[in-house]
Amino acid sequence: MNDHQAQANKKLALKLVWIIVGALVFAFALVPLYDVICSVTGLNGKTSNIAQTAAKQKIDTSREVTVQFVSSVMPGLGWNFYPKQSSVKVHPGQVTVVMFEAKNITSEVVAGQAIPSVTPGKASAHLKKIECFCFVRQSLNPGQVKELPLRFFISADLPPEVRELTLSYSFFPAN
């Protein structure tokens, strides 16, 4: 029985090691896999940022899409953050630049990261960001005001029933 118990313990220990190794591999693969899924599906407001597609786009002047901008700052980030324009009308395929403004209202250096969200969900796959402050962490000195550009276009294959979309940015504290 003692030899049988030792064999069973050895087998259990080996299974546990494999479970731990599998969990670690899964944990490291999860973030890139999630990013790929979000880029392909537009899930969670993730959009493509490929500049080359902008050059190939034909501008569809037969219709206009209204893009509204909404901003918020999460608790713990001492910033004011807002779009300079609340909305713009664009033709699908037309590259557009809008500015946002961030101001550090604290007496210390503060860093933040913007997370985008697009509604309706089916429009998120058609919003293509070429340049965005959300791609990198932003850092502001005490009292500093910074203009943050967003350069984007709406792909021409946006479903015709989508005439309006909202791009929302939430700034979170980042260390």
N, C-alpha and C. Protein backbone atom coordinates (compact mmCIF):
# COMPACT_ATOMS: atom_id res chain seq x y z
N MET A 1 0.82 -1.19 0.00
CA MET A 1 0.00 0.00 0.00
C MET A 1 0.86 1.25 0.00
N ASN A 2 1.95 1.25 0.70
CA ASN A 2 2.85 2.39 0.77
C ASN A 2 3.46 2.69 -0.60
N ASP A 3 3.85 1.66 -1.32
CA ASP A 3 4.43 1.82 -2.66
C ASP A 3 3.35 2.31 -3.64
N HIS A 4 2.14 1.75 -3.47
CA HIS A 4 1.02 2.18 -4.31
C HIS A 4 0.66 3.65 -4.05
N GLN A 5 0.69 4.06 -2.77
CA GLN A 5 0.40 5.45 -2.40
C GLN A 5 1.46 6.40 -2.97
N ALA A 6 2.72 6.02 -2.92
CA ALA A 6 3.81 6.83 -3.46
C ALA A 6 3.65 7.01 -4.97
N GLN A 7 3.27 5.92 -5.65
CA GLN A 7 3.05 5.98 -7.10
C GLN A 7 1.89 6.93 -7.43
N ALA A 8 0.81 6.85 -6.66
CA ALA A 8 -0.35 7.72 -6.87
C ALA A 8 0.01 9.17 -6.61
N ASN A 9 0.80 9.44 -5.57
CA ASN A 9 1.23 10.82 -5.27
C ASN A 9 2.11 11.37 -6.38
N LYS A 10 2.99 10.54 -6.91
CA LYS A 10 3.88 10.95 -8.00
C LYS A 10 3.06 11.32 -9.25
N LYS A 11 2.04 10.48 -9.53
CA LYS A 11 1.17 10.73 -10.68
C LYS A 11 0.39 12.05 -10.50
N LEU A 12 -0.12 12.27 -9.31
CA LEU A 12 -0.86 13.49 -9.00
C LEU A 12 0.04 14.72 -9.12
N ALA A 13 1.26 14.63 -8.60
CA ALA A 13 2.21 15.75 -8.68
C ALA A 13 2.52 16.08 -10.13
N LEU A 14 2.69 15.07 -10.96
CA LEU A 14 2.97 15.30 -12.38
C LEU A 14 1.79 15.99 -13.07
N LYS A 15 0.57 15.56 -12.75
CA LYS A 15 -0.62 16.20 -13.32
C LYS A 15 -0.71 17.67 -12.90
N LEU A 16 -0.42 17.93 -11.62
CA LEU A 16 -0.46 19.30 -11.14
C LEU A 16 0.58 20.18 -11.83
N VAL A 17 1.77 19.65 -12.05
CA VAL A 17 2.81 20.41 -12.77
C VAL A 17 2.34 20.74 -14.18
N TRP A 18 1.72 19.76 -14.86
CA TRP A 18 1.22 20.02 -16.21
C TRP A 18 0.11 21.06 -16.22
N ILE A 19 -0.74 21.04 -15.21
CA ILE A 19 -1.81 22.03 -15.11
C ILE A 19 -1.21 23.43 -14.92
N ILE A 20 -0.20 23.54 -14.06
CA ILE A 20 0.45 24.84 -13.83
C ILE A 20 1.13 25.34 -15.10
N VAL A 21 1.85 24.46 -15.78
CA VAL A 21 2.52 24.85 -17.04
C VAL A 21 1.47 25.28 -18.07
N GLY A 22 0.38 24.52 -18.18
CA GLY A 22 -0.69 24.88 -19.11
C GLY A 22 -1.32 26.22 -18.78
N ALA A 23 -1.53 26.49 -17.49
CA ALA A 23 -2.10 27.77 -17.08
C ALA A 23 -1.17 28.93 -17.41
N LEU A 24 0.13 28.75 -17.20
CA LEU A 24 1.10 29.81 -17.53
C LEU A 24 1.14 30.08 -19.03
N VAL A 25 1.15 29.03 -19.84
CA VAL A 25 1.15 29.20 -21.30
C VAL A 25 -0.13 29.92 -21.73
N PHE A 26 -1.25 29.50 -21.18
CA PHE A 26 -2.53 30.14 -21.50
C PHE A 26 -2.52 31.62 -21.11
N ALA A 27 -1.98 31.92 -19.93
CA ALA A 27 -1.95 33.31 -19.45
C ALA A 27 -1.12 34.20 -20.38
N PHE A 28 0.02 33.71 -20.85
CA PHE A 28 0.86 34.50 -21.74
C PHE A 28 0.26 34.62 -23.13
N ALA A 29 -0.48 33.62 -23.58
CA ALA A 29 -1.06 33.64 -24.92
C ALA A 29 -2.40 34.38 -24.95
N LEU A 30 -3.01 34.59 -23.80
CA LEU A 30 -4.35 35.16 -23.75
C LEU A 30 -4.41 36.60 -24.26
N VAL A 31 -3.48 37.45 -23.85
CA VAL A 31 -3.53 38.86 -24.25
C VAL A 31 -3.36 39.03 -25.75
N PRO A 32 -2.34 38.44 -26.39
CA PRO A 32 -2.24 38.58 -27.85
C PRO A 32 -3.44 37.96 -28.57
N LEU A 33 -3.92 36.85 -28.07
CA LEU A 33 -5.08 36.21 -28.68
C LEU A 33 -6.31 37.10 -28.57
N TYR A 34 -6.50 37.71 -27.42
CA TYR A 34 -7.62 38.63 -27.20
C TYR A 34 -7.51 39.82 -28.16
N ASP A 35 -6.32 40.39 -28.30
CA ASP A 35 -6.13 41.52 -29.21
C ASP A 35 -6.46 41.15 -30.65
N VAL A 36 -6.06 39.95 -31.07
CA VAL A 36 -6.37 39.49 -32.43
C VAL A 36 -7.87 39.35 -32.61
N ILE A 37 -8.53 38.73 -31.66
CA ILE A 37 -9.99 38.55 -31.76
C ILE A 37 -10.69 39.90 -31.80
N CYS A 38 -10.25 40.83 -30.95
CA CYS A 38 -10.88 42.16 -30.92
C CYS A 38 -10.63 42.93 -32.21
N SER A 39 -9.44 42.81 -32.79
CA SER A 39 -9.14 43.51 -34.04
C SER A 39 -9.99 42.98 -35.18
N VAL A 40 -10.15 41.66 -35.23
CA VAL A 40 -10.91 41.05 -36.31
C VAL A 40 -12.39 41.34 -36.19
N THR A 41 -12.91 41.24 -34.98
CA THR A 41 -14.37 41.38 -34.79
C THR A 41 -14.81 42.79 -34.45
N GLY A 42 -13.87 43.66 -34.03
CA GLY A 42 -14.25 45.00 -33.58
C GLY A 42 -14.79 44.97 -32.17
N LEU A 43 -14.68 43.83 -31.50
CA LEU A 43 -15.16 43.67 -30.14
C LEU A 43 -14.44 44.64 -29.21
N ASN A 44 -15.17 45.17 -28.25
CA ASN A 44 -14.62 46.06 -27.23
C ASN A 44 -14.06 47.35 -27.82
N GLY A 45 -14.56 47.77 -28.97
CA GLY A 45 -14.14 49.04 -29.53
C GLY A 45 -12.78 49.02 -30.18
N LYS A 46 -12.15 47.86 -30.24
CA LYS A 46 -10.83 47.78 -30.88
C LYS A 46 -11.01 47.92 -32.37
N THR A 47 -10.19 48.76 -32.96
CA THR A 47 -10.31 48.99 -34.39
C THR A 47 -8.95 48.86 -35.04
N SER A 48 -8.94 48.67 -36.33
CA SER A 48 -7.70 48.54 -37.07
C SER A 48 -7.00 49.88 -37.14
N ASN A 49 -5.68 49.86 -37.15
CA ASN A 49 -4.94 51.11 -37.25
C ASN A 49 -3.97 51.07 -38.42
N ILE A 50 -4.34 50.42 -39.50
CA ILE A 50 -3.46 50.26 -40.64
C ILE A 50 -3.58 51.47 -41.57
N ALA A 51 -2.49 52.22 -41.66
CA ALA A 51 -2.49 53.45 -42.47
C ALA A 51 -2.54 53.16 -43.96
N GLN A 52 -2.04 52.01 -44.38
CA GLN A 52 -2.00 51.70 -45.81
C GLN A 52 -3.40 51.61 -46.41
N THR A 53 -4.36 51.15 -45.63
CA THR A 53 -5.71 51.04 -46.18
C THR A 53 -6.32 52.41 -46.46
N ALA A 54 -5.86 53.44 -45.77
CA ALA A 54 -6.38 54.79 -46.00
C ALA A 54 -6.03 55.26 -47.41
N ALA A 55 -4.83 54.94 -47.87
CA ALA A 55 -4.40 55.38 -49.19
C ALA A 55 -5.21 54.71 -50.30
N LYS A 56 -5.70 53.50 -50.04
CA LYS A 56 -6.44 52.75 -51.05
C LYS A 56 -7.93 53.08 -51.07
N GLN A 57 -8.40 53.79 -50.05
CA GLN A 57 -9.83 54.08 -49.93
C GLN A 57 -10.30 55.10 -50.97
N LYS A 58 -11.45 54.82 -51.52
CA LYS A 58 -12.12 55.79 -52.39
C LYS A 58 -13.14 56.49 -51.51
N ILE A 59 -13.25 57.79 -51.68
CA ILE A 59 -14.18 58.57 -50.88
C ILE A 59 -15.58 58.47 -51.48
N ASP A 60 -16.53 58.06 -50.66
CA ASP A 60 -17.93 57.94 -51.08
C ASP A 60 -18.64 59.25 -50.76
N THR A 61 -18.69 60.15 -51.75
CA THR A 61 -19.31 61.46 -51.53
C THR A 61 -20.84 61.40 -51.58
N SER A 62 -21.39 60.23 -51.87
CA SER A 62 -22.85 60.12 -51.96
C SER A 62 -23.51 60.03 -50.58
N ARG A 63 -22.73 59.84 -49.52
CA ARG A 63 -23.33 59.78 -48.19
C ARG A 63 -22.41 60.37 -47.13
N GLU A 64 -23.03 60.76 -46.04
CA GLU A 64 -22.31 61.31 -44.90
C GLU A 64 -22.62 60.49 -43.66
N VAL A 65 -21.60 60.40 -42.80
CA VAL A 65 -21.76 59.71 -41.52
C VAL A 65 -21.39 60.71 -40.44
N THR A 66 -22.21 60.80 -39.41
CA THR A 66 -21.91 61.67 -38.28
C THR A 66 -21.15 60.85 -37.24
N VAL A 67 -19.99 61.34 -36.86
CA VAL A 67 -19.19 60.70 -35.81
C VAL A 67 -19.23 61.61 -34.59
N GLN A 68 -19.78 61.09 -33.50
CA GLN A 68 -19.85 61.84 -32.26
C GLN A 68 -18.70 61.41 -31.36
N PHE A 69 -18.20 62.33 -30.55
CA PHE A 69 -17.09 62.05 -29.65
C PHE A 69 -17.52 62.28 -28.21
N VAL A 70 -17.21 61.31 -27.37
CA VAL A 70 -17.55 61.36 -25.95
C VAL A 70 -16.28 61.04 -25.19
N SER A 71 -16.08 61.70 -24.06
CA SER A 71 -14.88 61.45 -23.26
C SER A 71 -15.22 61.34 -21.79
N SER A 72 -14.40 60.58 -21.09
CA SER A 72 -14.55 60.48 -19.64
C SER A 72 -13.18 60.21 -19.02
N VAL A 73 -13.06 60.59 -17.76
CA VAL A 73 -11.84 60.37 -17.00
C VAL A 73 -12.20 59.53 -15.79
N MET A 74 -11.51 58.43 -15.61
CA MET A 74 -11.80 57.55 -14.50
C MET A 74 -11.27 58.12 -13.18
N PRO A 75 -11.89 57.77 -12.06
CA PRO A 75 -11.43 58.26 -10.76
C PRO A 75 -9.95 57.90 -10.53
N GLY A 76 -9.23 58.81 -9.93
CA GLY A 76 -7.81 58.59 -9.65
C GLY A 76 -6.89 59.23 -10.67
N LEU A 77 -7.46 59.71 -11.77
CA LEU A 77 -6.65 60.40 -12.78
C LEU A 77 -7.04 61.87 -12.74
N GLY A 78 -6.18 62.71 -12.24
CA GLY A 78 -6.48 64.12 -12.06
C GLY A 78 -6.37 64.92 -13.34
N TRP A 79 -7.20 64.59 -14.31
CA TRP A 79 -7.18 65.27 -15.61
C TRP A 79 -8.56 65.81 -15.95
N ASN A 80 -8.55 66.84 -16.79
CA ASN A 80 -9.71 67.23 -17.57
C ASN A 80 -9.41 66.73 -18.97
N PHE A 81 -10.38 66.13 -19.62
CA PHE A 81 -10.17 65.55 -20.95
C PHE A 81 -11.47 65.68 -21.74
N TYR A 82 -11.37 66.27 -22.93
CA TYR A 82 -12.57 66.44 -23.74
C TYR A 82 -12.20 66.61 -25.22
N PRO A 83 -13.16 66.30 -26.11
CA PRO A 83 -12.94 66.54 -27.54
C PRO A 83 -13.12 68.02 -27.85
N LYS A 84 -12.33 68.54 -28.77
CA LYS A 84 -12.47 69.94 -29.19
C LYS A 84 -13.75 70.14 -30.02
N GLN A 85 -14.22 69.06 -30.66
CA GLN A 85 -15.46 69.07 -31.42
C GLN A 85 -16.32 67.94 -30.88
N SER A 86 -17.59 68.18 -30.69
CA SER A 86 -18.45 67.11 -30.18
C SER A 86 -18.84 66.12 -31.27
N SER A 87 -18.79 66.56 -32.54
CA SER A 87 -19.09 65.65 -33.64
C SER A 87 -18.55 66.23 -34.95
N VAL A 88 -18.41 65.34 -35.94
CA VAL A 88 -18.03 65.74 -37.29
C VAL A 88 -18.85 64.92 -38.28
N LYS A 89 -19.09 65.50 -39.44
CA LYS A 89 -19.73 64.76 -40.54
C LYS A 89 -18.63 64.42 -41.53
N VAL A 90 -18.54 63.13 -41.89
CA VAL A 90 -17.50 62.67 -42.80
C VAL A 90 -18.12 61.81 -43.90
N HIS A 91 -17.44 61.80 -45.02
CA HIS A 91 -17.79 60.87 -46.09
C HIS A 91 -16.97 59.60 -45.86
N PRO A 92 -17.57 58.41 -46.03
CA PRO A 92 -16.78 57.19 -45.92
C PRO A 92 -15.56 57.25 -46.85
N GLY A 93 -14.40 56.87 -46.30
CA GLY A 93 -13.15 56.92 -47.05
C GLY A 93 -12.36 58.20 -46.86
N GLN A 94 -12.99 59.23 -46.33
CA GLN A 94 -12.34 60.53 -46.13
C GLN A 94 -11.54 60.51 -44.82
N VAL A 95 -10.25 60.84 -44.91
CA VAL A 95 -9.41 60.92 -43.72
C VAL A 95 -9.74 62.22 -42.98
N THR A 96 -9.99 62.11 -41.70
CA THR A 96 -10.40 63.25 -40.88
C THR A 96 -9.51 63.33 -39.65
N VAL A 97 -9.21 64.56 -39.23
CA VAL A 97 -8.43 64.77 -38.02
C VAL A 97 -9.27 65.58 -37.05
N VAL A 98 -9.37 65.08 -35.82
CA VAL A 98 -10.03 65.82 -34.74
C VAL A 98 -9.05 65.90 -33.57
N MET A 99 -9.23 66.90 -32.76
CA MET A 99 -8.33 67.11 -31.62
C MET A 99 -9.09 66.93 -30.31
N PHE A 100 -8.39 66.36 -29.37
CA PHE A 100 -8.86 66.25 -28.00
C PHE A 100 -7.89 67.06 -27.15
N GLU A 101 -8.34 67.47 -25.99
CA GLU A 101 -7.46 68.22 -25.09
C GLU A 101 -7.46 67.57 -23.72
N ALA A 102 -6.26 67.42 -23.18
CA ALA A 102 -6.09 66.86 -21.83
C ALA A 102 -5.33 67.88 -20.99
N LYS A 103 -5.75 68.04 -19.74
CA LYS A 103 -5.05 68.95 -18.83
C LYS A 103 -4.88 68.25 -17.49
N ASN A 104 -3.64 68.27 -17.01
CA ASN A 104 -3.34 67.72 -15.69
C ASN A 104 -3.69 68.80 -14.67
N ILE A 105 -4.66 68.51 -13.82
CA ILE A 105 -5.09 69.50 -12.82
C ILE A 105 -4.50 69.21 -11.44
N THR A 106 -3.48 68.35 -11.40
CA THR A 106 -2.83 68.04 -10.13
C THR A 106 -1.48 68.74 -10.05
N SER A 107 -0.81 68.57 -8.93
CA SER A 107 0.52 69.18 -8.74
C SER A 107 1.64 68.16 -8.93
N GLU A 108 1.34 67.05 -9.59
CA GLU A 108 2.37 66.04 -9.85
C GLU A 108 2.23 65.49 -11.26
N VAL A 109 3.28 64.81 -11.74
CA VAL A 109 3.24 64.18 -13.07
C VAL A 109 2.25 63.02 -13.00
N VAL A 110 1.35 62.97 -13.97
CA VAL A 110 0.33 61.93 -14.00
C VAL A 110 0.29 61.31 -15.39
N ALA A 111 0.20 59.98 -15.44
CA ALA A 111 0.13 59.26 -16.71
C ALA A 111 -1.22 58.58 -16.84
N GLY A 112 -1.71 58.53 -18.07
CA GLY A 112 -2.99 57.88 -18.33
C GLY A 112 -2.97 57.13 -19.65
N GLN A 113 -3.92 56.23 -19.80
CA GLN A 113 -4.07 55.46 -21.04
C GLN A 113 -5.53 55.53 -21.45
N ALA A 114 -5.78 55.89 -22.70
CA ALA A 114 -7.15 55.99 -23.21
C ALA A 114 -7.59 54.65 -23.78
N ILE A 115 -8.82 54.28 -23.46
CA ILE A 115 -9.42 53.06 -23.98
C ILE A 115 -10.62 53.48 -24.83
N PRO A 116 -10.62 53.08 -26.13
CA PRO A 116 -11.72 53.48 -27.01
C PRO A 116 -12.89 52.50 -26.97
N SER A 117 -14.04 53.00 -27.35
CA SER A 117 -15.22 52.18 -27.51
C SER A 117 -16.05 52.79 -28.63
N VAL A 118 -16.57 51.94 -29.50
CA VAL A 118 -17.35 52.42 -30.65
C VAL A 118 -18.74 51.81 -30.61
N THR A 119 -19.74 52.66 -30.80
CA THR A 119 -21.11 52.16 -30.92
C THR A 119 -21.74 52.78 -32.16
N PRO A 120 -22.60 52.09 -32.86
CA PRO A 120 -23.00 50.72 -32.63
C PRO A 120 -21.85 49.75 -32.90
N GLY A 121 -21.94 48.57 -32.32
CA GLY A 121 -20.86 47.59 -32.42
C GLY A 121 -20.50 47.22 -33.84
N LYS A 122 -21.51 47.15 -34.72
CA LYS A 122 -21.20 46.76 -36.11
C LYS A 122 -20.41 47.84 -36.85
N ALA A 123 -20.36 49.04 -36.32
CA ALA A 123 -19.59 50.11 -36.97
C ALA A 123 -18.12 50.09 -36.56
N SER A 124 -17.81 49.45 -35.44
CA SER A 124 -16.43 49.50 -34.93
C SER A 124 -15.42 48.88 -35.89
N ALA A 125 -15.81 47.87 -36.63
CA ALA A 125 -14.89 47.25 -37.59
C ALA A 125 -14.61 48.17 -38.78
N HIS A 126 -15.42 49.21 -38.96
CA HIS A 126 -15.28 50.11 -40.11
C HIS A 126 -14.58 51.42 -39.75
N LEU A 127 -14.37 51.66 -38.47
CA LEU A 127 -13.64 52.86 -38.03
C LEU A 127 -12.16 52.52 -38.01
N LYS A 128 -11.40 53.15 -38.85
CA LYS A 128 -9.97 52.86 -39.00
C LYS A 128 -9.16 54.03 -38.48
N LYS A 129 -8.40 53.80 -37.42
CA LYS A 129 -7.57 54.84 -36.83
C LYS A 129 -6.17 54.77 -37.44
N ILE A 130 -5.70 55.89 -37.95
CA ILE A 130 -4.36 55.99 -38.52
C ILE A 130 -3.40 56.48 -37.45
N GLU A 131 -3.83 57.48 -36.70
CA GLU A 131 -3.04 58.06 -35.61
C GLU A 131 -3.99 58.30 -34.45
N CYS A 132 -3.58 57.86 -33.25
CA CYS A 132 -4.45 58.04 -32.10
C CYS A 132 -3.63 58.10 -30.82
N PHE A 133 -4.00 59.03 -29.97
CA PHE A 133 -3.37 59.14 -28.65
C PHE A 133 -3.61 57.90 -27.82
N CYS A 134 -4.59 57.09 -28.20
CA CYS A 134 -4.91 55.87 -27.45
C CYS A 134 -3.91 54.75 -27.72
N PHE A 135 -3.06 54.91 -28.73
CA PHE A 135 -2.08 53.87 -29.03
C PHE A 135 -0.97 53.80 -27.99
N VAL A 136 -0.71 54.91 -27.31
CA VAL A 136 0.39 54.96 -26.33
C VAL A 136 -0.07 55.62 -25.04
N ARG A 137 0.63 55.34 -23.99
CA ARG A 137 0.39 55.96 -22.68
C ARG A 137 0.74 57.44 -22.77
N GLN A 138 -0.07 58.27 -22.16
CA GLN A 138 0.16 59.72 -22.16
C GLN A 138 0.59 60.17 -20.77
N SER A 139 1.55 61.07 -20.72
CA SER A 139 2.03 61.59 -19.44
C SER A 139 1.98 63.11 -19.48
N LEU A 140 1.46 63.71 -18.41
CA LEU A 140 1.35 65.17 -18.35
C LEU A 140 2.00 65.68 -17.07
N ASN A 141 2.76 66.75 -17.21
CA ASN A 141 3.36 67.42 -16.06
C ASN A 141 2.29 68.22 -15.31
N PRO A 142 2.57 68.65 -14.10
CA PRO A 142 1.57 69.44 -13.34
C PRO A 142 1.10 70.66 -14.14
N GLY A 143 -0.21 70.79 -14.30
CA GLY A 143 -0.78 71.93 -15.00
C GLY A 143 -0.64 71.91 -16.51
N GLN A 144 0.03 70.91 -17.06
CA GLN A 144 0.26 70.86 -18.51
C GLN A 144 -1.03 70.59 -19.27
N VAL A 145 -1.19 71.31 -20.39
CA VAL A 145 -2.29 71.10 -21.31
C VAL A 145 -1.70 70.53 -22.59
N LYS A 146 -2.32 69.47 -23.11
CA LYS A 146 -1.78 68.81 -24.31
C LYS A 146 -2.90 68.55 -25.29
N GLU A 147 -2.66 68.90 -26.56
CA GLU A 147 -3.61 68.57 -27.61
C GLU A 147 -3.27 67.18 -28.13
N LEU A 148 -4.29 66.35 -28.24
CA LEU A 148 -4.11 64.96 -28.63
C LEU A 148 -4.86 64.71 -29.94
N PRO A 149 -4.13 64.42 -31.02
CA PRO A 149 -4.79 64.23 -32.32
C PRO A 149 -5.34 62.82 -32.51
N LEU A 150 -6.41 62.76 -33.28
CA LEU A 150 -6.99 61.50 -33.74
C LEU A 150 -7.19 61.65 -35.24
N ARG A 151 -6.53 60.78 -36.00
CA ARG A 151 -6.66 60.77 -37.47
C ARG A 151 -7.32 59.44 -37.84
N PHE A 152 -8.45 59.51 -38.52
CA PHE A 152 -9.21 58.30 -38.81
C PHE A 152 -9.98 58.43 -40.11
N PHE A 153 -10.54 57.30 -40.54
CA PHE A 153 -11.51 57.30 -41.63
C PHE A 153 -12.49 56.17 -41.40
N ILE A 154 -13.64 56.29 -42.02
CA ILE A 154 -14.66 55.26 -41.98
C ILE A 154 -14.57 54.52 -43.31
N SER A 155 -14.45 53.20 -43.27
CA SER A 155 -14.33 52.46 -44.53
C SER A 155 -15.63 52.56 -45.33
N ALA A 156 -15.48 52.53 -46.63
CA ALA A 156 -16.62 52.70 -47.54
C ALA A 156 -17.60 51.54 -47.46
N ASP A 157 -17.19 50.41 -46.91
CA ASP A 157 -18.11 49.28 -46.81
C ASP A 157 -18.94 49.30 -45.51
N LEU A 158 -18.98 50.46 -44.85
CA LEU A 158 -19.87 50.63 -43.70
C LEU A 158 -21.30 50.38 -44.17
N PRO A 159 -22.07 49.56 -43.45
CA PRO A 159 -23.46 49.32 -43.87
C PRO A 159 -24.22 50.63 -44.04
N PRO A 160 -25.01 50.75 -45.10
CA PRO A 160 -25.70 52.01 -45.40
C PRO A 160 -26.67 52.47 -44.31
N GLU A 161 -27.19 51.55 -43.51
CA GLU A 161 -28.12 51.96 -42.45
C GLU A 161 -27.42 52.65 -41.29
N VAL A 162 -26.09 52.54 -41.22
CA VAL A 162 -25.35 53.22 -40.15
C VAL A 162 -25.03 54.64 -40.62
N ARG A 163 -25.72 55.60 -40.07
CA ARG A 163 -25.53 57.00 -40.45
C ARG A 163 -24.87 57.80 -39.34
N GLU A 164 -24.75 57.16 -38.17
CA GLU A 164 -24.19 57.85 -37.02
C GLU A 164 -23.47 56.83 -36.15
N LEU A 165 -22.30 57.22 -35.65
CA LEU A 165 -21.61 56.36 -34.70
C LEU A 165 -20.98 57.23 -33.63
N THR A 166 -20.72 56.61 -32.50
CA THR A 166 -20.14 57.32 -31.37
C THR A 166 -18.82 56.68 -31.01
N LEU A 167 -17.79 57.51 -30.92
CA LEU A 167 -16.47 57.08 -30.49
C LEU A 167 -16.25 57.66 -29.10
N SER A 168 -16.13 56.78 -28.14
CA SER A 168 -15.98 57.19 -26.75
C SER A 168 -14.59 56.80 -26.25
N TYR A 169 -13.96 57.72 -25.54
CA TYR A 169 -12.66 57.45 -24.93
C TYR A 169 -12.78 57.60 -23.42
N SER A 170 -12.28 56.62 -22.71
CA SER A 170 -12.17 56.69 -21.26
C SER A 170 -10.70 56.66 -20.91
N PHE A 171 -10.25 57.66 -20.15
CA PHE A 171 -8.84 57.72 -19.72
C PHE A 171 -8.73 57.10 -18.33
N PHE A 172 -7.83 56.14 -18.22
CA PHE A 172 -7.58 55.44 -16.97
C PHE A 172 -6.18 55.80 -16.45
N PRO A 173 -5.97 55.80 -15.15
CA PRO A 173 -4.61 56.01 -14.62
C PRO A 173 -3.68 54.91 -15.10
N ALA A 174 -2.46 55.27 -15.46
CA ALA A 174 -1.45 54.28 -15.89
C ALA A 174 -0.14 54.59 -15.19
N ASN A 175 0.49 53.59 -14.69
CA ASN A 175 1.77 53.78 -14.00
C ASN A 175 2.93 53.54 -14.94
